Amino acid sequence: MLLAYAGSNVGGLIFLGVVVALIIDMVISSLFGAIAEMKGYSRSMYKWICFFLGLPGWIMVAALPDRAKKEKSKKELKEEMKDVESWV
């Protein structure tokens, strides 16, 4: 009797497991989207890439170069060049 009851409830447990896995994946993907945005890339695009690809998407976001830092250093370099030109 117990086995018959457990067998009829397996579908519900599988459904619940899939829903929980999707929620966890969405939370993790949102975090990696925020990381991509901090690096100067599109938050929504990389969030969905991480959602659909999983671990390979996470690795891809972790390997992205930091655009924001490059842009900041370019601005600092331009300001320094202006200072040097004013001396000359």
PDB file of N, CA and C in Angstrom:
ATOM      1  N   MET A   1       0.810  -1.189   0.000  1.00  0.00           N
ATOM      2  CA  MET A   1       0.000   0.000   0.000  1.00  0.00           C
ATOM      3  C   MET A   1       0.860   1.262   0.000  1.00  0.00           C
ATOM      4  N   LEU A   2       1.931   1.235   0.790  1.00  0.00           N
ATOM      5  CA  LEU A   2       2.818   2.387   0.881  1.00  0.00           C
ATOM      6  C   LEU A   2       3.525   2.647  -0.456  1.00  0.00           C
ATOM      7  N   LEU A   3       3.931   1.566  -1.144  1.00  0.00           N
ATOM      8  CA  LEU A   3       4.592   1.728  -2.429  1.00  0.00           C
ATOM      9  C   LEU A   3       3.661   2.324  -3.477  1.00  0.00           C
ATOM     10  N   ALA A   4       2.404   1.948  -3.455  1.00  0.00           N
ATOM     11  CA  ALA A   4       1.446   2.490  -4.414  1.00  0.00           C
ATOM     12  C   ALA A   4       1.264   3.989  -4.186  1.00  0.00           C
ATOM     13  N   TYR A   5       1.233   4.418  -2.936  1.00  0.00           N
ATOM     14  CA  TYR A   5       1.090   5.838  -2.626  1.00  0.00           C
ATOM     15  C   TYR A   5       2.333   6.611  -3.050  1.00  0.00           C
ATOM     16  N   ALA A   6       3.516   6.049  -2.777  1.00  0.00           N
ATOM     17  CA  ALA A   6       4.762   6.719  -3.146  1.00  0.00           C
ATOM     18  C   ALA A   6       4.881   6.824  -4.661  1.00  0.00           C
ATOM     19  N   GLY A   7       4.443   5.818  -5.376  1.00  0.00           N
ATOM     20  CA  GLY A   7       4.512   5.833  -6.826  1.00  0.00           C
ATOM     21  C   GLY A   7       3.624   6.891  -7.445  1.00  0.00           C
ATOM     22  N   SER A   8       2.498   7.160  -6.856  1.00  0.00           N
ATOM     23  CA  SER A   8       1.594   8.154  -7.414  1.00  0.00           C
ATOM     24  C   SER A   8       2.050   9.580  -7.114  1.00  0.00           C
ATOM     25  N   ASN A   9       2.949   9.743  -6.170  1.00  0.00           N
ATOM     26  CA  ASN A   9       3.412  11.067  -5.766  1.00  0.00           C
ATOM     27  C   ASN A   9       4.747  11.442  -6.410  1.00  0.00           C
ATOM     28  N   VAL A  10       5.358  10.526  -7.137  1.00  0.00           N
ATOM     29  CA  VAL A  10       6.673  10.778  -7.730  1.00  0.00           C
ATOM     30  C   VAL A  10       6.606  11.901  -8.764  1.00  0.00           C
ATOM     31  N   GLY A  11       5.552  11.957  -9.538  1.00  0.00           N
ATOM     32  CA  GLY A  11       5.407  13.011 -10.545  1.00  0.00           C
ATOM     33  C   GLY A  11       5.395  14.388  -9.914  1.00  0.00           C
ATOM     34  N   GLY A  12       4.719  14.515  -8.786  1.00  0.00           N
ATOM     35  CA  GLY A  12       4.680  15.791  -8.079  1.00  0.00           C
ATOM     36  C   GLY A  12       6.043  16.173  -7.537  1.00  0.00           C
ATOM     37  N   LEU A  13       6.793  15.187  -7.046  1.00  0.00           N
ATOM     38  CA  LEU A  13       8.136  15.459  -6.530  1.00  0.00           C
ATOM     39  C   LEU A  13       9.093  15.873  -7.650  1.00  0.00           C
ATOM     40  N   ILE A  14       8.967  15.237  -8.782  1.00  0.00           N
ATOM     41  CA  ILE A  14       9.811  15.603  -9.928  1.00  0.00           C
ATOM     42  C   ILE A  14       9.492  17.026 -10.373  1.00  0.00           C
ATOM     43  N   PHE A  15       8.201  17.353 -10.447  1.00  0.00           N
ATOM     44  CA  PHE A  15       7.784  18.705 -10.815  1.00  0.00           C
ATOM     45  C   PHE A  15       8.331  19.728  -9.824  1.00  0.00           C
ATOM     46  N   LEU A  16       8.227  19.437  -8.541  1.00  0.00           N
ATOM     47  CA  LEU A  16       8.728  20.335  -7.510  1.00  0.00           C
ATOM     48  C   LEU A  16      10.249  20.505  -7.634  1.00  0.00           C
ATOM     49  N   GLY A  17      10.949  19.414  -7.903  1.00  0.00           N
ATOM     50  CA  GLY A  17      12.403  19.487  -8.084  1.00  0.00           C
ATOM     51  C   GLY A  17      12.790  20.347  -9.270  1.00  0.00           C
ATOM     52  N   VAL A  18      12.057  20.230 -10.370  1.00  0.00           N
ATOM     53  CA  VAL A  18      12.334  21.025 -11.565  1.00  0.00           C
ATOM     54  C   VAL A  18      12.071  22.511 -11.287  1.00  0.00           C
ATOM     55  N   VAL A  19      10.988  22.811 -10.589  1.00  0.00           N
ATOM     56  CA  VAL A  19      10.665  24.210 -10.266  1.00  0.00           C
ATOM     57  C   VAL A  19      11.732  24.809  -9.364  1.00  0.00           C
ATOM     58  N   VAL A  20      12.158  24.073  -8.351  1.00  0.00           N
ATOM     59  CA  VAL A  20      13.201  24.564  -7.444  1.00  0.00           C
ATOM     60  C   VAL A  20      14.512  24.775  -8.202  1.00  0.00           C
ATOM     61  N   ALA A  21      14.853  23.846  -9.094  1.00  0.00           N
ATOM     62  CA  ALA A  21      16.084  23.978  -9.879  1.00  0.00           C
ATOM     63  C   ALA A  21      16.025  25.216 -10.780  1.00  0.00           C
ATOM     64  N   LEU A  22      14.880  25.478 -11.391  1.00  0.00           N
ATOM     65  CA  LEU A  22      14.736  26.660 -12.244  1.00  0.00           C
ATOM     66  C   LEU A  22      14.836  27.954 -11.441  1.00  0.00           C
ATOM     67  N   ILE A  23      14.271  27.964 -10.245  1.00  0.00           N
ATOM     68  CA  ILE A  23      14.361  29.158  -9.394  1.00  0.00           C
ATOM     69  C   ILE A  23      15.803  29.418  -8.989  1.00  0.00           C
ATOM     70  N   ILE A  24      16.510  28.359  -8.594  1.00  0.00           N
ATOM     71  CA  ILE A  24      17.918  28.501  -8.210  1.00  0.00           C
ATOM     72  C   ILE A  24      18.741  28.975  -9.397  1.00  0.00           C
ATOM     73  N   ASP A  25      18.483  28.403 -10.586  1.00  0.00           N
ATOM     74  CA  ASP A  25      19.211  28.811 -11.789  1.00  0.00           C
ATOM     75  C   ASP A  25      18.941  30.276 -12.119  1.00  0.00           C
ATOM     76  N   MET A  26      17.702  30.730 -11.933  1.00  0.00           N
ATOM     77  CA  MET A  26      17.374  32.127 -12.224  1.00  0.00           C
ATOM     78  C   MET A  26      18.082  33.070 -11.258  1.00  0.00           C
ATOM     79  N   VAL A  27      18.154  32.702  -9.984  1.00  0.00           N
ATOM     80  CA  VAL A  27      18.849  33.543  -9.001  1.00  0.00           C
ATOM     81  C   VAL A  27      20.339  33.634  -9.334  1.00  0.00           C
ATOM     82  N   ILE A  28      20.948  32.495  -9.616  1.00  0.00           N
ATOM     83  CA  ILE A  28      22.375  32.481  -9.944  1.00  0.00           C
ATOM     84  C   ILE A  28      22.636  33.256 -11.241  1.00  0.00           C
ATOM     85  N   SER A  29      21.759  33.076 -12.225  1.00  0.00           N
ATOM     86  CA  SER A  29      21.914  33.798 -13.497  1.00  0.00           C
ATOM     87  C   SER A  29      21.789  35.303 -13.298  1.00  0.00           C
ATOM     88  N   SER A  30      20.893  35.719 -12.421  1.00  0.00           N
ATOM     89  CA  SER A  30      20.755  37.153 -12.134  1.00  0.00           C
ATOM     90  C   SER A  30      22.016  37.704 -11.488  1.00  0.00           C
ATOM     91  N   LEU A  31      22.628  36.925 -10.600  1.00  0.00           N
ATOM     92  CA  LEU A  31      23.876  37.360  -9.979  1.00  0.00           C
ATOM     93  C   LEU A  31      24.989  37.497 -11.010  1.00  0.00           C
ATOM     94  N   PHE A  32      25.083  36.538 -11.917  1.00  0.00           N
ATOM     95  CA  PHE A  32      26.115  36.628 -12.946  1.00  0.00           C
ATOM     96  C   PHE A  32      25.804  37.755 -13.937  1.00  0.00           C
ATOM     97  N   GLY A  33      24.521  38.076 -14.156  1.00  0.00           N
ATOM     98  CA  GLY A  33      24.170  39.230 -14.967  1.00  0.00           C
ATOM     99  C   GLY A  33      24.651  40.523 -14.318  1.00  0.00           C
ATOM    100  N   ALA A  34      24.523  40.590 -12.996  1.00  0.00           N
ATOM    101  CA  ALA A  34      25.011  41.770 -12.267  1.00  0.00           C
ATOM    102  C   ALA A  34      26.533  41.869 -12.347  1.00  0.00           C
ATOM    103  N   ILE A  35      27.212  40.736 -12.295  1.00  0.00           N
ATOM    104  CA  ILE A  35      28.674  40.724 -12.422  1.00  0.00           C
ATOM    105  C   ILE A  35      29.078  41.221 -13.807  1.00  0.00           C
ATOM    106  N   ALA A  36      28.362  40.757 -14.842  1.00  0.00           N
ATOM    107  CA  ALA A  36      28.660  41.215 -16.204  1.00  0.00           C
ATOM    108  C   ALA A  36      28.449  42.716 -16.324  1.00  0.00           C
ATOM    109  N   GLU A  37      27.408  43.231 -15.680  1.00  0.00           N
ATOM    110  CA  GLU A  37      27.161  44.673 -15.721  1.00  0.00           C
ATOM    111  C   GLU A  37      28.273  45.447 -15.023  1.00  0.00           C
ATOM    112  N   MET A  38      28.780  44.916 -13.918  1.00  0.00           N
ATOM    113  CA  MET A  38      29.895  45.572 -13.225  1.00  0.00           C
ATOM    114  C   MET A  38      31.142  45.600 -14.097  1.00  0.00           C
ATOM    115  N   LYS A  39      31.252  44.614 -14.987  1.00  0.00           N
ATOM    116  CA  LYS A  39      32.401  44.569 -15.887  1.00  0.00           C
ATOM    117  C   LYS A  39      32.182  45.407 -17.140  1.00  0.00           C
ATOM    118  N   GLY A  40      30.988  46.002 -17.281  1.00  0.00           N
ATOM    119  CA  GLY A  40      30.724  46.888 -18.404  1.00  0.00           C
ATOM    120  C   GLY A  40      29.982  46.245 -19.554  1.00  0.00           C
ATOM    121  N   TYR A  41      29.294  45.143 -19.333  1.00  0.00           N
ATOM    122  CA  TYR A  41      28.567  44.432 -20.380  1.00  0.00           C
ATOM    123  C   TYR A  41      27.069  44.461 -20.090  1.00  0.00           C
ATOM    124  N   SER A  42      26.275  43.962 -21.031  1.00  0.00           N
ATOM    125  CA  SER A  42      24.823  43.952 -20.911  1.00  0.00           C
ATOM    126  C   SER A  42      24.370  42.961 -19.836  1.00  0.00           C
ATOM    127  N   ARG A  43      23.635  43.477 -18.852  1.00  0.00           N
ATOM    128  CA  ARG A  43      23.168  42.639 -17.748  1.00  0.00           C
ATOM    129  C   ARG A  43      22.170  41.591 -18.238  1.00  0.00           C
ATOM    130  N   SER A  44      21.177  42.013 -19.000  1.00  0.00           N
ATOM    131  CA  SER A  44      20.116  41.081 -19.395  1.00  0.00           C
ATOM    132  C   SER A  44      20.622  40.007 -20.356  1.00  0.00           C
ATOM    133  N   MET A  45      21.482  40.390 -21.281  1.00  0.00           N
ATOM    134  CA  MET A  45      21.984  39.402 -22.237  1.00  0.00           C
ATOM    135  C   MET A  45      22.761  38.295 -21.528  1.00  0.00           C
ATOM    136  N   TYR A  46      23.663  38.679 -20.628  1.00  0.00           N
ATOM    137  CA  TYR A  46      24.471  37.666 -19.955  1.00  0.00           C
ATOM    138  C   TYR A  46      23.675  36.907 -18.897  1.00  0.00           C
ATOM    139  N   LYS A  47      22.617  37.519 -18.368  1.00  0.00           N
ATOM    140  CA  LYS A  47      21.745  36.793 -17.446  1.00  0.00           C
ATOM    141  C   LYS A  47      21.079  35.625 -18.173  1.00  0.00           C
ATOM    142  N   TRP A  48      20.568  35.893 -19.372  1.00  0.00           N
ATOM    143  CA  TRP A  48      19.898  34.830 -20.127  1.00  0.00           C
ATOM    144  C   TRP A  48      20.890  33.806 -20.667  1.00  0.00           C
ATOM    145  N   ILE A  49      22.073  34.248 -21.039  1.00  0.00           N
ATOM    146  CA  ILE A  49      23.098  33.292 -21.473  1.00  0.00           C
ATOM    147  C   ILE A  49      23.417  32.334 -20.331  1.00  0.00           C
ATOM    148  N   CYS A  50      23.585  32.873 -19.130  1.00  0.00           N
ATOM    149  CA  CYS A  50      23.879  32.023 -17.972  1.00  0.00           C
ATOM    150  C   CYS A  50      22.700  31.131 -17.621  1.00  0.00           C
ATOM    151  N   PHE A  51      21.486  31.624 -17.800  1.00  0.00           N
ATOM    152  CA  PHE A  51      20.304  30.816 -17.493  1.00  0.00           C
ATOM    153  C   PHE A  51      20.230  29.598 -18.406  1.00  0.00           C
ATOM    154  N   PHE A  52      20.432  29.799 -19.698  1.00  0.00           N
ATOM    155  CA  PHE A  52      20.282  28.693 -20.642  1.00  0.00           C
ATOM    156  C   PHE A  52      21.513  27.787 -20.716  1.00  0.00           C
ATOM    157  N   LEU A  53      22.710  28.333 -20.518  1.00  0.00           N
ATOM    158  CA  LEU A  53      23.918  27.519 -20.630  1.00  0.00           C
ATOM    159  C   LEU A  53      24.382  26.934 -19.301  1.00  0.00           C
ATOM    160  N   GLY A  54      24.023  27.559 -18.196  1.00  0.00           N
ATOM    161  CA  GLY A  54      24.446  27.051 -16.889  1.00  0.00           C
ATOM    162  C   GLY A  54      25.923  27.304 -16.642  1.00  0.00           C
ATOM    163  N   LEU A  55      26.626  26.284 -16.231  1.00  0.00           N
ATOM    164  CA  LEU A  55      28.037  26.402 -15.858  1.00  0.00           C
ATOM    165  C   LEU A  55      28.910  27.013 -16.960  1.00  0.00           C
ATOM    166  N   PRO A  56      28.776  26.617 -18.234  1.00  0.00           N
ATOM    167  CA  PRO A  56      29.592  27.286 -19.261  1.00  0.00           C
ATOM    168  C   PRO A  56      29.330  28.801 -19.340  1.00  0.00           C
ATOM    169  N   GLY A  57      28.094  29.221 -19.128  1.00  0.00           N
ATOM    170  CA  GLY A  57      27.784  30.645 -19.114  1.00  0.00           C
ATOM    171  C   GLY A  57      28.428  31.355 -17.934  1.00  0.00           C
ATOM    172  N   TRP A  58      28.434  30.695 -16.780  1.00  0.00           N
ATOM    173  CA  TRP A  58      29.065  31.274 -15.591  1.00  0.00           C
ATOM    174  C   TRP A  58      30.554  31.469 -15.828  1.00  0.00           C
ATOM    175  N   ILE A  59      31.177  30.472 -16.431  1.00  0.00           N
ATOM    176  CA  ILE A  59      32.615  30.555 -16.715  1.00  0.00           C
ATOM    177  C   ILE A  59      32.879  31.681 -17.717  1.00  0.00           C
ATOM    178  N   MET A  60      31.999  31.814 -18.709  1.00  0.00           N
ATOM    179  CA  MET A  60      32.171  32.856 -19.712  1.00  0.00           C
ATOM    180  C   MET A  60      32.102  34.245 -19.074  1.00  0.00           C
ATOM    181  N   VAL A  61      31.148  34.463 -18.171  1.00  0.00           N
ATOM    182  CA  VAL A  61      31.042  35.762 -17.502  1.00  0.00           C
ATOM    183  C   VAL A  61      32.257  36.006 -16.620  1.00  0.00           C
ATOM    184  N   ALA A  62      32.722  34.970 -15.947  1.00  0.00           N
ATOM    185  CA  ALA A  62      33.905  35.134 -15.091  1.00  0.00           C
ATOM    186  C   ALA A  62      35.136  35.493 -15.911  1.00  0.00           C
ATOM    187  N   ALA A  63      35.181  35.034 -17.165  1.00  0.00           N
ATOM    188  CA  ALA A  63      36.348  35.285 -18.018  1.00  0.00           C
ATOM    189  C   ALA A  63      36.252  36.590 -18.803  1.00  0.00           C
ATOM    190  N   LEU A  64      35.133  37.304 -18.720  1.00  0.00           N
ATOM    191  CA  LEU A  64      35.002  38.560 -19.461  1.00  0.00           C
ATOM    192  C   LEU A  64      36.024  39.584 -18.969  1.00  0.00           C
ATOM    193  N   PRO A  65      36.671  40.290 -19.900  1.00  0.00           N
ATOM    194  CA  PRO A  65      37.570  41.364 -19.465  1.00  0.00           C
ATOM    195  C   PRO A  65      36.767  42.522 -18.893  1.00  0.00           C
ATOM    196  N   ASP A  66      37.395  43.313 -18.076  1.00  0.00           N
ATOM    197  CA  ASP A  66      36.721  44.409 -17.387  1.00  0.00           C
ATOM    198  C   ASP A  66      36.726  45.656 -18.260  1.00  0.00           C
ATOM    199  N   ARG A  67      35.607  45.928 -18.936  1.00  0.00           N
ATOM    200  CA  ARG A  67      35.498  47.097 -19.801  1.00  0.00           C
ATOM    201  C   ARG A  67      35.474  48.389 -18.998  1.00  0.00           C
ATOM    202  N   ALA A  68      34.812  48.369 -17.870  1.00  0.00           N
ATOM    203  CA  ALA A  68      34.670  49.578 -17.060  1.00  0.00           C
ATOM    204  C   ALA A  68      36.036  50.096 -16.623  1.00  0.00           C
ATOM    205  N   LYS A  69      36.913  49.200 -16.254  1.00  0.00           N
ATOM    206  CA  LYS A  69      38.254  49.604 -15.823  1.00  0.00           C
ATOM    207  C   LYS A  69      39.038  50.182 -16.997  1.00  0.00           C
ATOM    208  N   LYS A  70      38.892  49.602 -18.186  1.00  0.00           N
ATOM    209  CA  LYS A  70      39.587  50.116 -19.368  1.00  0.00           C
ATOM    210  C   LYS A  70      39.109  51.522 -19.703  1.00  0.00           C
ATOM    211  N   GLU A  71      37.787  51.730 -19.658  1.00  0.00           N
ATOM    212  CA  GLU A  71      37.241  53.052 -19.960  1.00  0.00           C
ATOM    213  C   GLU A  71      37.731  54.075 -18.949  1.00  0.00           C
ATOM    214  N   LYS A  72      37.807  53.690 -17.692  1.00  0.00           N
ATOM    215  CA  LYS A  72      38.278  54.598 -16.655  1.00  0.00           C
ATOM    216  C   LYS A  72      39.745  54.951 -16.895  1.00  0.00           C
ATOM    217  N   SER A  73      40.549  53.956 -17.241  1.00  0.00           N
ATOM    218  CA  SER A  73      41.966  54.234 -17.458  1.00  0.00           C
ATOM    219  C   SER A  73      42.171  55.102 -18.704  1.00  0.00           C
ATOM    220  N   LYS A  74      41.325  54.939 -19.716  1.00  0.00           N
ATOM    221  CA  LYS A  74      41.417  55.793 -20.907  1.00  0.00           C
ATOM    222  C   LYS A  74      41.118  57.241 -20.550  1.00  0.00           C
ATOM    223  N   LYS A  75      40.093  57.450 -19.707  1.00  0.00           N
ATOM    224  CA  LYS A  75      39.755  58.809 -19.292  1.00  0.00           C
ATOM    225  C   LYS A  75      40.886  59.424 -18.484  1.00  0.00           C
ATOM    226  N   GLU A  76      41.477  58.641 -17.591  1.00  0.00           N
ATOM    227  CA  GLU A  76      42.593  59.139 -16.791  1.00  0.00           C
ATOM    228  C   GLU A  76      43.781  59.484 -17.675  1.00  0.00           C
ATOM    229  N   LEU A  77      44.031  58.665 -18.697  1.00  0.00           N
ATOM    230  CA  LEU A  77      45.137  58.916 -19.613  1.00  0.00           C
ATOM    231  C   LEU A  77      44.902  60.210 -20.397  1.00  0.00           C
ATOM    232  N   LYS A  78      43.670  60.437 -20.849  1.00  0.00           N
ATOM    233  CA  LYS A  78      43.360  61.667 -21.569  1.00  0.00           C
ATOM    234  C   LYS A  78      43.557  62.889 -20.682  1.00  0.00           C
ATOM    235  N   GLU A  79      43.145  62.782 -19.410  1.00  0.00           N
ATOM    236  CA  GLU A  79      43.340  63.895 -18.484  1.00  0.00           C
ATOM    237  C   GLU A  79      44.815  64.168 -18.246  1.00  0.00           C
ATOM    238  N   GLU A  80      45.615  63.122 -18.138  1.00  0.00           N
ATOM    239  CA  GLU A  80      47.053  63.300 -17.959  1.00  0.00           C
ATOM    240  C   GLU A  80      47.681  63.930 -19.186  1.00  0.00           C
ATOM    241  N   MET A  81      47.220  63.543 -20.374  1.00  0.00           N
ATOM    242  CA  MET A  81      47.747  64.115 -21.604  1.00  0.00           C
ATOM    243  C   MET A  81      47.420  65.610 -21.677  1.00  0.00           C
ATOM    244  N   LYS A  82      46.228  65.991 -21.232  1.00  0.00           N
ATOM    245  CA  LYS A  82      45.865  67.408 -21.210  1.00  0.00           C
ATOM    246  C   LYS A  82      46.785  68.182 -20.266  1.00  0.00           C
ATOM    247  N   ASP A  83      47.090  67.577 -19.117  1.00  0.00           N
ATOM    248  CA  ASP A  83      48.002  68.227 -18.171  1.00  0.00           C
ATOM    249  C   ASP A  83      49.396  68.404 -18.776  1.00  0.00           C
ATOM    250  N   VAL A  84      49.868  67.372 -19.477  1.00  0.00           N
ATOM    251  CA  VAL A  84      51.196  67.442 -20.092  1.00  0.00           C
ATOM    252  C   VAL A  84      51.208  68.491 -21.187  1.00  0.00           C
ATOM    253  N   GLU A  85      50.134  68.537 -22.002  1.00  0.00           N
ATOM    254  CA  GLU A  85      50.069  69.523 -23.081  1.00  0.00           C
ATOM    255  C   GLU A  85      50.018  70.943 -22.536  1.00  0.00           C
ATOM    256  N   SER A  86      49.397  71.129 -21.386  1.00  0.00           N
ATOM    257  CA  SER A  86      49.337  72.479 -20.801  1.00  0.00           C
ATOM    258  C   SER A  86      50.695  72.938 -20.316  1.00  0.00           C
ATOM    259  N   TRP A  87      51.586  72.011 -19.996  1.00  0.00           N
ATOM    260  CA  TRP A  87      52.939  72.369 -19.541  1.00  0.00           C
ATOM    261  C   TRP A  87      53.816  72.795 -20.706  1.00  0.00           C
ATOM    262  N   VAL A  88      53.517  72.229 -21.878  1.00  0.00           N
ATOM    263  CA  VAL A  88      54.377  72.474 -23.046  1.00  0.00           C
ATOM    264  C   VAL A  88      54.085  73.749 -23.715  1.00  0.00           C
TER     265      VAL A  88
END
